[in-house]
Amino acid sequence: MRLGKSPTGYGRWTLQLLADNWVALEAEIDDARTKLERLNAANRSG
């Protein structure tokens, strides 16, 4: 896995930082999926 620069205030990535960022990314993906599903449903209903 290739990581970018560590977050401000941290000298390097830690397992906790990776876990926190993973959770945040999953939440963003779920939010985008929900919005797309609603958009597709609205387009189908006319």
N, C-alpha and C. Protein backbone atom coordinates (compact mmCIF):
# COMPACT_ATOMS: atom_id res chain seq x y z
N MET A 1 0.85 -1.16 0.00
CA MET A 1 0.00 0.00 0.00
C MET A 1 0.90 1.24 0.00
N ARG A 2 0.53 2.19 -0.80
CA ARG A 2 1.31 3.43 -0.85
C ARG A 2 0.53 4.54 -0.17
N LEU A 3 1.14 5.16 0.78
CA LEU A 3 0.50 6.24 1.53
C LEU A 3 1.14 7.56 1.17
N GLY A 4 0.34 8.60 1.24
CA GLY A 4 0.86 9.94 1.04
C GLY A 4 1.59 10.40 2.29
N LYS A 5 1.84 11.69 2.32
CA LYS A 5 2.49 12.30 3.47
C LYS A 5 1.63 12.07 4.71
N SER A 6 2.29 11.85 5.82
CA SER A 6 1.54 11.63 7.06
C SER A 6 0.76 12.89 7.43
N PRO A 7 -0.35 12.72 8.14
CA PRO A 7 -1.16 13.87 8.52
C PRO A 7 -0.37 14.89 9.34
N THR A 8 -0.80 16.13 9.28
CA THR A 8 -0.16 17.21 10.04
C THR A 8 -0.11 16.85 11.52
N GLY A 9 1.04 17.03 12.10
CA GLY A 9 1.21 16.74 13.52
C GLY A 9 1.70 15.34 13.80
N TYR A 10 1.85 14.52 12.76
CA TYR A 10 2.31 13.14 12.93
C TYR A 10 3.56 12.94 12.08
N GLY A 11 4.54 12.30 12.66
CA GLY A 11 5.77 12.03 11.94
C GLY A 11 5.64 10.89 10.95
N ARG A 12 4.72 9.99 11.22
CA ARG A 12 4.52 8.84 10.34
C ARG A 12 3.12 8.29 10.53
N TRP A 13 2.72 7.43 9.63
CA TRP A 13 1.41 6.78 9.73
C TRP A 13 1.47 5.72 10.83
N THR A 14 0.43 5.64 11.65
CA THR A 14 0.31 4.60 12.66
C THR A 14 -0.87 3.71 12.29
N LEU A 15 -0.97 2.56 12.91
CA LEU A 15 -2.11 1.69 12.64
C LEU A 15 -3.42 2.37 13.02
N GLN A 16 -3.42 3.16 14.08
CA GLN A 16 -4.64 3.87 14.48
C GLN A 16 -5.03 4.91 13.44
N LEU A 17 -4.05 5.65 12.92
CA LEU A 17 -4.35 6.64 11.87
C LEU A 17 -4.90 5.95 10.63
N LEU A 18 -4.31 4.83 10.25
CA LEU A 18 -4.80 4.07 9.10
C LEU A 18 -6.23 3.62 9.32
N ALA A 19 -6.51 3.10 10.50
CA ALA A 19 -7.87 2.63 10.82
C ALA A 19 -8.86 3.78 10.78
N ASP A 20 -8.50 4.90 11.36
CA ASP A 20 -9.39 6.07 11.37
C ASP A 20 -9.68 6.56 9.96
N ASN A 21 -8.64 6.62 9.13
CA ASN A 21 -8.82 7.08 7.76
C ASN A 21 -9.63 6.08 6.94
N TRP A 22 -9.47 4.80 7.21
CA TRP A 22 -10.24 3.77 6.52
C TRP A 22 -11.73 3.92 6.82
N VAL A 23 -12.05 4.13 8.08
CA VAL A 23 -13.45 4.31 8.49
C VAL A 23 -14.04 5.55 7.81
N ALA A 24 -13.28 6.63 7.78
CA ALA A 24 -13.77 7.86 7.14
C ALA A 24 -14.00 7.63 5.65
N LEU A 25 -13.11 6.91 5.00
CA LEU A 25 -13.25 6.63 3.57
C LEU A 25 -14.48 5.76 3.31
N GLU A 26 -14.69 4.75 4.14
CA GLU A 26 -15.88 3.89 3.98
C GLU A 26 -17.15 4.71 4.12
N ALA A 27 -17.17 5.65 5.04
CA ALA A 27 -18.35 6.50 5.24
C ALA A 27 -18.60 7.36 4.00
N GLU A 28 -17.56 7.90 3.40
CA GLU A 28 -17.71 8.71 2.19
C GLU A 28 -18.22 7.86 1.03
N ILE A 29 -17.72 6.65 0.90
CA ILE A 29 -18.16 5.75 -0.17
C ILE A 29 -19.63 5.40 0.01
N ASP A 30 -20.04 5.09 1.23
CA ASP A 30 -21.44 4.77 1.50
C ASP A 30 -22.34 5.96 1.21
N ASP A 31 -21.90 7.16 1.55
CA ASP A 31 -22.69 8.36 1.29
C ASP A 31 -22.85 8.58 -0.22
N ALA A 32 -21.77 8.41 -0.96
CA ALA A 32 -21.83 8.57 -2.42
C ALA A 32 -22.74 7.51 -3.03
N ARG A 33 -22.66 6.28 -2.55
CA ARG A 33 -23.50 5.20 -3.06
C ARG A 33 -24.98 5.51 -2.84
N THR A 34 -25.31 5.99 -1.65
CA THR A 34 -26.69 6.34 -1.33
C THR A 34 -27.20 7.45 -2.24
N LYS A 35 -26.39 8.47 -2.46
CA LYS A 35 -26.79 9.58 -3.33
C LYS A 35 -27.01 9.10 -4.76
N LEU A 36 -26.14 8.23 -5.26
CA LEU A 36 -26.30 7.70 -6.61
C LEU A 36 -27.55 6.83 -6.73
N GLU A 37 -27.83 6.03 -5.71
CA GLU A 37 -29.03 5.20 -5.73
C GLU A 37 -30.28 6.07 -5.78
N ARG A 38 -30.31 7.14 -5.01
CA ARG A 38 -31.46 8.06 -5.01
C ARG A 38 -31.61 8.74 -6.37
N LEU A 39 -30.50 9.16 -6.94
CA LEU A 39 -30.52 9.81 -8.24
C LEU A 39 -31.03 8.86 -9.31
N ASN A 40 -30.55 7.63 -9.30
CA ASN A 40 -30.99 6.63 -10.27
C ASN A 40 -32.48 6.32 -10.10
N ALA A 41 -32.95 6.23 -8.87
CA ALA A 41 -34.36 5.96 -8.61
C ALA A 41 -35.22 7.11 -9.12
N ALA A 42 -34.77 8.34 -8.91
CA ALA A 42 -35.52 9.52 -9.37
C ALA A 42 -35.56 9.56 -10.89
N ASN A 43 -34.47 9.19 -11.54
CA ASN A 43 -34.43 9.20 -13.00
C ASN A 43 -35.33 8.12 -13.59
N ARG A 44 -35.44 6.99 -12.91
CA ARG A 44 -36.29 5.90 -13.40
C ARG A 44 -37.77 6.24 -13.26
N SER A 45 -38.11 6.99 -12.21
CA SER A 45 -39.53 7.28 -11.97
C SER A 45 -40.01 8.47 -12.81
N GLY A 46 -39.10 9.13 -13.45
CA GLY A 46 -39.49 10.14 -14.41
C GLY A 46 -39.40 11.51 -13.95
